N, C-alpha and C. Protein backbone atom coordinates (compact mmCIF):
# COMPACT_ATOMS: atom_id res chain seq x y z
N UNK A 1 86.72 6.68 -79.27
CA UNK A 1 85.63 6.45 -78.34
C UNK A 1 84.42 5.98 -79.16
N UNK A 2 83.64 5.12 -78.56
CA UNK A 2 82.43 4.62 -79.21
C UNK A 2 81.29 5.61 -78.96
N UNK A 3 80.56 5.92 -80.02
CA UNK A 3 79.47 6.90 -79.93
C UNK A 3 78.14 6.24 -80.28
N UNK A 4 77.15 6.46 -79.42
CA UNK A 4 75.78 6.06 -79.71
C UNK A 4 74.93 7.33 -79.67
N UNK A 5 73.65 7.18 -79.95
CA UNK A 5 72.77 8.34 -80.02
C UNK A 5 71.51 8.11 -79.21
N UNK A 6 70.92 9.20 -78.74
CA UNK A 6 69.72 9.16 -77.91
C UNK A 6 68.60 8.38 -78.57
N UNK A 7 68.45 8.56 -79.87
CA UNK A 7 67.40 7.86 -80.62
C UNK A 7 67.77 7.84 -82.10
N UNK A 8 66.96 7.17 -82.89
CA UNK A 8 67.23 7.03 -84.34
C UNK A 8 67.21 8.38 -85.06
N UNK A 9 66.31 9.27 -84.65
CA UNK A 9 66.23 10.59 -85.29
C UNK A 9 67.53 11.36 -85.08
N UNK A 10 68.03 11.36 -83.85
CA UNK A 10 69.29 12.04 -83.55
C UNK A 10 70.43 11.42 -84.34
N UNK A 11 70.45 10.09 -84.40
CA UNK A 11 71.50 9.39 -85.15
C UNK A 11 71.46 9.79 -86.63
N UNK A 12 70.29 9.85 -87.21
CA UNK A 12 70.15 10.21 -88.62
C UNK A 12 70.68 11.62 -88.87
N UNK A 13 70.31 12.56 -88.02
CA UNK A 13 70.75 13.95 -88.18
C UNK A 13 72.27 14.04 -88.06
N UNK A 14 72.84 13.39 -87.05
CA UNK A 14 74.28 13.51 -86.79
C UNK A 14 75.14 12.74 -87.78
N UNK A 15 74.55 11.83 -88.52
CA UNK A 15 75.33 11.05 -89.48
C UNK A 15 75.13 11.50 -90.92
N UNK A 16 74.40 12.59 -91.11
CA UNK A 16 74.18 13.09 -92.48
C UNK A 16 74.44 14.60 -92.48
N UNK A 17 75.51 14.99 -93.14
CA UNK A 17 75.93 16.40 -93.18
C UNK A 17 74.80 17.33 -93.62
N UNK A 18 74.07 16.95 -94.65
CA UNK A 18 73.00 17.82 -95.16
C UNK A 18 71.91 18.03 -94.10
N UNK A 19 71.62 17.00 -93.31
CA UNK A 19 70.63 17.14 -92.24
C UNK A 19 71.13 18.08 -91.15
N UNK A 20 72.43 17.96 -90.82
CA UNK A 20 73.01 18.88 -89.82
C UNK A 20 72.94 20.32 -90.29
N UNK A 21 73.30 20.55 -91.55
CA UNK A 21 73.27 21.91 -92.11
C UNK A 21 71.85 22.45 -92.12
N UNK A 22 70.90 21.62 -92.54
CA UNK A 22 69.50 22.05 -92.59
C UNK A 22 69.01 22.44 -91.19
N UNK A 23 69.36 21.65 -90.20
CA UNK A 23 68.86 21.87 -88.83
C UNK A 23 69.59 22.98 -88.09
N UNK A 24 70.94 23.05 -88.24
CA UNK A 24 71.74 23.96 -87.41
C UNK A 24 72.48 25.05 -88.18
N UNK A 25 72.42 25.03 -89.50
CA UNK A 25 73.14 26.00 -90.31
C UNK A 25 74.55 25.52 -90.59
N UNK A 26 75.19 26.07 -91.64
CA UNK A 26 76.49 25.55 -92.07
C UNK A 26 77.62 25.70 -91.06
N UNK A 27 77.70 26.82 -90.37
CA UNK A 27 78.80 27.03 -89.42
C UNK A 27 78.67 26.13 -88.20
N UNK A 28 77.45 26.05 -87.65
CA UNK A 28 77.23 25.19 -86.48
C UNK A 28 77.42 23.72 -86.88
N UNK A 29 76.95 23.34 -88.05
CA UNK A 29 77.11 21.96 -88.53
C UNK A 29 78.58 21.59 -88.65
N UNK A 30 79.38 22.51 -89.16
CA UNK A 30 80.82 22.27 -89.29
C UNK A 30 81.45 21.99 -87.93
N UNK A 31 81.07 22.75 -86.93
CA UNK A 31 81.61 22.57 -85.58
C UNK A 31 81.09 21.28 -84.94
N UNK A 32 79.84 20.94 -85.18
CA UNK A 32 79.28 19.69 -84.67
C UNK A 32 80.04 18.50 -85.26
N UNK A 33 80.31 18.54 -86.54
CA UNK A 33 81.07 17.47 -87.20
C UNK A 33 82.48 17.37 -86.60
N UNK A 34 83.11 18.52 -86.34
CA UNK A 34 84.43 18.53 -85.72
C UNK A 34 84.38 17.88 -84.34
N UNK A 35 83.40 18.25 -83.52
CA UNK A 35 83.28 17.68 -82.18
C UNK A 35 83.06 16.16 -82.25
N UNK A 36 82.22 15.72 -83.16
CA UNK A 36 81.96 14.29 -83.31
C UNK A 36 83.24 13.56 -83.73
N UNK A 37 84.00 14.15 -84.64
CA UNK A 37 85.27 13.57 -85.08
C UNK A 37 86.27 13.51 -83.92
N UNK A 38 86.32 14.58 -83.12
CA UNK A 38 87.20 14.60 -81.96
C UNK A 38 86.82 13.50 -80.96
N UNK A 39 85.53 13.35 -80.73
CA UNK A 39 85.06 12.30 -79.82
C UNK A 39 85.43 10.92 -80.35
N UNK A 40 85.21 10.68 -81.63
CA UNK A 40 85.53 9.38 -82.22
C UNK A 40 87.02 9.06 -82.10
N UNK A 41 87.86 10.08 -82.24
CA UNK A 41 89.31 9.88 -82.20
C UNK A 41 89.87 9.75 -80.78
N UNK A 42 89.13 10.23 -79.80
CA UNK A 42 89.62 10.25 -78.42
C UNK A 42 89.65 8.84 -77.83
N UNK A 43 90.72 8.54 -77.11
CA UNK A 43 90.83 7.26 -76.41
C UNK A 43 89.81 7.17 -75.28
N UNK A 44 89.59 8.31 -74.62
CA UNK A 44 88.62 8.39 -73.53
C UNK A 44 88.16 9.84 -73.41
N UNK A 45 87.21 10.09 -72.55
CA UNK A 45 86.63 11.43 -72.43
C UNK A 45 87.62 12.45 -71.88
N UNK A 46 88.60 11.99 -71.12
CA UNK A 46 89.60 12.91 -70.56
C UNK A 46 90.33 13.68 -71.66
N UNK A 47 90.48 13.08 -72.82
CA UNK A 47 91.12 13.76 -73.95
C UNK A 47 90.37 15.04 -74.30
N UNK A 48 89.05 15.00 -74.26
CA UNK A 48 88.24 16.17 -74.59
C UNK A 48 88.47 17.30 -73.59
N UNK A 49 88.77 16.92 -72.36
CA UNK A 49 89.02 17.90 -71.31
C UNK A 49 90.30 18.70 -71.58
N UNK A 50 91.23 18.11 -72.33
CA UNK A 50 92.50 18.78 -72.62
C UNK A 50 92.40 19.75 -73.78
N UNK A 51 91.33 19.67 -74.57
CA UNK A 51 91.16 20.57 -75.71
C UNK A 51 90.45 21.84 -75.23
N UNK A 52 91.20 22.90 -75.05
CA UNK A 52 90.67 24.13 -74.44
C UNK A 52 89.47 24.67 -75.19
N UNK A 53 89.50 24.66 -76.52
CA UNK A 53 88.40 25.23 -77.30
C UNK A 53 87.10 24.45 -77.14
N UNK A 54 87.17 23.23 -76.62
CA UNK A 54 85.98 22.39 -76.45
C UNK A 54 85.24 22.77 -75.17
N UNK A 55 85.96 23.21 -74.17
CA UNK A 55 85.40 23.56 -72.85
C UNK A 55 84.44 22.48 -72.34
N UNK A 56 84.94 21.26 -72.31
CA UNK A 56 84.13 20.13 -71.84
C UNK A 56 83.97 20.23 -70.32
N UNK A 57 82.72 20.16 -69.88
CA UNK A 57 82.48 20.21 -68.43
C UNK A 57 81.17 19.51 -68.07
N UNK A 58 81.15 19.00 -66.84
CA UNK A 58 79.95 18.35 -66.33
C UNK A 58 78.92 19.40 -65.95
N UNK A 59 77.67 19.08 -66.21
CA UNK A 59 76.59 19.98 -65.85
C UNK A 59 76.03 19.59 -64.49
N UNK A 60 75.29 20.51 -63.90
CA UNK A 60 74.74 20.30 -62.55
C UNK A 60 73.22 20.44 -62.58
N UNK A 61 72.62 20.26 -61.42
CA UNK A 61 71.17 20.45 -61.29
C UNK A 61 70.39 19.44 -62.10
N UNK A 62 69.41 19.94 -62.87
CA UNK A 62 68.56 19.06 -63.69
C UNK A 62 69.36 18.28 -64.72
N UNK A 63 70.52 18.77 -65.05
CA UNK A 63 71.34 18.14 -66.09
C UNK A 63 72.54 17.38 -65.51
N UNK A 64 72.50 17.07 -64.24
CA UNK A 64 73.60 16.32 -63.61
C UNK A 64 73.82 15.02 -64.37
N UNK A 65 75.07 14.69 -64.62
CA UNK A 65 75.43 13.49 -65.38
C UNK A 65 75.66 13.77 -66.85
N UNK A 66 75.21 14.93 -67.32
CA UNK A 66 75.44 15.32 -68.70
C UNK A 66 76.74 16.10 -68.81
N UNK A 67 77.34 16.04 -69.98
CA UNK A 67 78.58 16.77 -70.26
C UNK A 67 78.32 17.68 -71.44
N UNK A 68 78.79 18.91 -71.31
CA UNK A 68 78.58 19.94 -72.31
C UNK A 68 79.89 20.20 -73.07
N UNK A 69 79.79 20.27 -74.39
CA UNK A 69 80.93 20.63 -75.25
C UNK A 69 80.54 21.87 -76.03
N UNK A 70 81.41 22.86 -76.04
CA UNK A 70 81.10 24.12 -76.71
C UNK A 70 80.90 23.96 -78.21
N UNK A 71 79.91 24.68 -78.70
CA UNK A 71 79.70 24.87 -80.13
C UNK A 71 79.71 26.39 -80.32
N UNK A 72 78.89 26.91 -81.24
CA UNK A 72 78.78 28.35 -81.40
C UNK A 72 77.76 28.84 -80.38
N UNK A 73 78.18 29.76 -79.53
CA UNK A 73 77.36 30.26 -78.43
C UNK A 73 75.98 30.66 -78.93
N UNK A 74 74.93 30.29 -78.27
CA UNK A 74 74.83 29.67 -76.95
C UNK A 74 74.65 28.14 -76.99
N UNK A 75 74.84 27.54 -78.15
CA UNK A 75 74.56 26.11 -78.29
C UNK A 75 75.70 25.25 -77.75
N UNK A 76 75.31 24.08 -77.22
CA UNK A 76 76.25 23.11 -76.68
C UNK A 76 75.88 21.72 -77.19
N UNK A 77 76.91 20.90 -77.43
CA UNK A 77 76.70 19.50 -77.74
C UNK A 77 76.62 18.76 -76.40
N UNK A 78 75.52 18.08 -76.16
CA UNK A 78 75.32 17.39 -74.90
C UNK A 78 75.52 15.89 -75.07
N UNK A 79 76.33 15.32 -74.17
CA UNK A 79 76.61 13.90 -74.19
C UNK A 79 76.48 13.34 -72.78
N UNK A 80 76.35 12.02 -72.69
CA UNK A 80 76.37 11.32 -71.41
C UNK A 80 77.21 10.05 -71.58
N UNK A 81 77.82 9.57 -70.50
CA UNK A 81 78.52 8.29 -70.58
C UNK A 81 77.53 7.20 -70.97
N UNK A 82 77.98 6.23 -71.75
CA UNK A 82 77.10 5.16 -72.20
C UNK A 82 77.69 3.80 -71.80
N UNK A 83 77.86 3.63 -70.51
CA UNK A 83 78.37 2.39 -69.94
C UNK A 83 77.25 1.76 -69.10
N UNK A 84 77.30 0.44 -68.92
CA UNK A 84 76.30 -0.20 -68.05
C UNK A 84 76.37 0.41 -66.66
N UNK A 85 77.59 0.57 -66.16
CA UNK A 85 77.80 1.28 -64.89
C UNK A 85 78.71 2.45 -65.19
N UNK A 86 78.23 3.66 -64.94
CA UNK A 86 79.00 4.86 -65.24
C UNK A 86 80.27 4.88 -64.41
N UNK A 87 81.45 5.00 -65.06
CA UNK A 87 82.71 5.08 -64.31
C UNK A 87 82.74 6.32 -63.42
N UNK A 88 82.98 6.11 -62.14
CA UNK A 88 83.00 7.21 -61.18
C UNK A 88 84.26 7.16 -60.35
N UNK A 89 84.65 8.34 -59.87
CA UNK A 89 85.76 8.47 -58.93
C UNK A 89 85.22 8.24 -57.52
N UNK A 90 86.10 8.07 -56.54
CA UNK A 90 85.64 7.86 -55.16
C UNK A 90 84.72 8.97 -54.64
N UNK A 91 84.91 10.21 -55.13
CA UNK A 91 84.07 11.31 -54.68
C UNK A 91 82.72 11.34 -55.41
N UNK A 92 82.46 10.33 -56.24
CA UNK A 92 81.25 10.11 -57.03
C UNK A 92 81.17 10.97 -58.30
N UNK A 93 82.19 11.75 -58.58
CA UNK A 93 82.24 12.48 -59.85
C UNK A 93 82.56 11.51 -60.99
N UNK A 94 82.35 11.92 -62.20
CA UNK A 94 82.64 11.07 -63.35
C UNK A 94 84.15 10.86 -63.48
N UNK A 95 84.54 9.63 -63.78
CA UNK A 95 85.95 9.32 -64.03
C UNK A 95 86.18 9.40 -65.54
N UNK A 96 86.56 10.57 -65.99
CA UNK A 96 86.69 10.84 -67.43
C UNK A 96 87.71 9.92 -68.09
N UNK A 97 88.71 9.45 -67.35
CA UNK A 97 89.73 8.58 -67.95
C UNK A 97 89.19 7.20 -68.28
N UNK A 98 88.10 6.79 -67.66
CA UNK A 98 87.52 5.46 -67.88
C UNK A 98 86.26 5.51 -68.74
N UNK A 99 85.87 6.69 -69.18
CA UNK A 99 84.69 6.81 -70.05
C UNK A 99 85.17 6.67 -71.49
N UNK A 100 84.79 5.55 -72.11
CA UNK A 100 85.21 5.24 -73.48
C UNK A 100 84.01 5.06 -74.41
N UNK A 101 82.83 5.24 -73.87
CA UNK A 101 81.57 5.14 -74.64
C UNK A 101 80.69 6.31 -74.23
N UNK A 102 80.20 7.03 -75.21
CA UNK A 102 79.31 8.15 -74.90
C UNK A 102 78.07 8.09 -75.78
N UNK A 103 77.01 8.74 -75.30
CA UNK A 103 75.79 8.87 -76.08
C UNK A 103 75.57 10.35 -76.36
N UNK A 104 75.36 10.69 -77.61
CA UNK A 104 75.03 12.06 -77.98
C UNK A 104 73.54 12.26 -77.74
N UNK A 105 73.23 13.24 -76.90
CA UNK A 105 71.83 13.58 -76.59
C UNK A 105 71.29 14.56 -77.62
N UNK A 106 72.11 15.56 -77.97
CA UNK A 106 71.68 16.55 -78.94
C UNK A 106 72.40 17.86 -78.76
N UNK A 107 71.87 18.89 -79.40
CA UNK A 107 72.41 20.25 -79.33
C UNK A 107 71.37 21.12 -78.68
N UNK A 108 71.78 21.84 -77.65
CA UNK A 108 70.83 22.69 -76.92
C UNK A 108 71.53 23.92 -76.37
N UNK A 109 70.72 24.89 -76.00
CA UNK A 109 71.18 26.03 -75.21
C UNK A 109 70.90 25.65 -73.76
N UNK A 110 71.93 25.35 -73.00
CA UNK A 110 71.75 24.88 -71.63
C UNK A 110 71.39 26.01 -70.66
N UNK A 111 71.36 27.23 -71.16
CA UNK A 111 71.04 28.36 -70.29
C UNK A 111 69.60 28.84 -70.42
N UNK A 112 68.80 28.09 -71.19
CA UNK A 112 67.38 28.45 -71.34
C UNK A 112 66.62 28.17 -70.07
């Protein structure tokens, strides 16, 4: 899958291991790198849905359209589809099988 980033600062952090460790600590950084590697290797977003430990799911409310991937609790890796027109199913939900480009928004506690 093709990965882009919310902005240059996010891209710099996510592409440099030492920056990830400095910002999130060694254990969280290790898991962030794993998630990024899994995303890069996935043919589409539906693959992430099959990895139980990832617990990929769509968010609701203020975060509708965002997808959460588990890290070390309570942090989540947040992504959004990065297509000109977001692939959707007839019921207007995201069509994970057609999402082949994502944007990494960042790491957050979505329960704050």
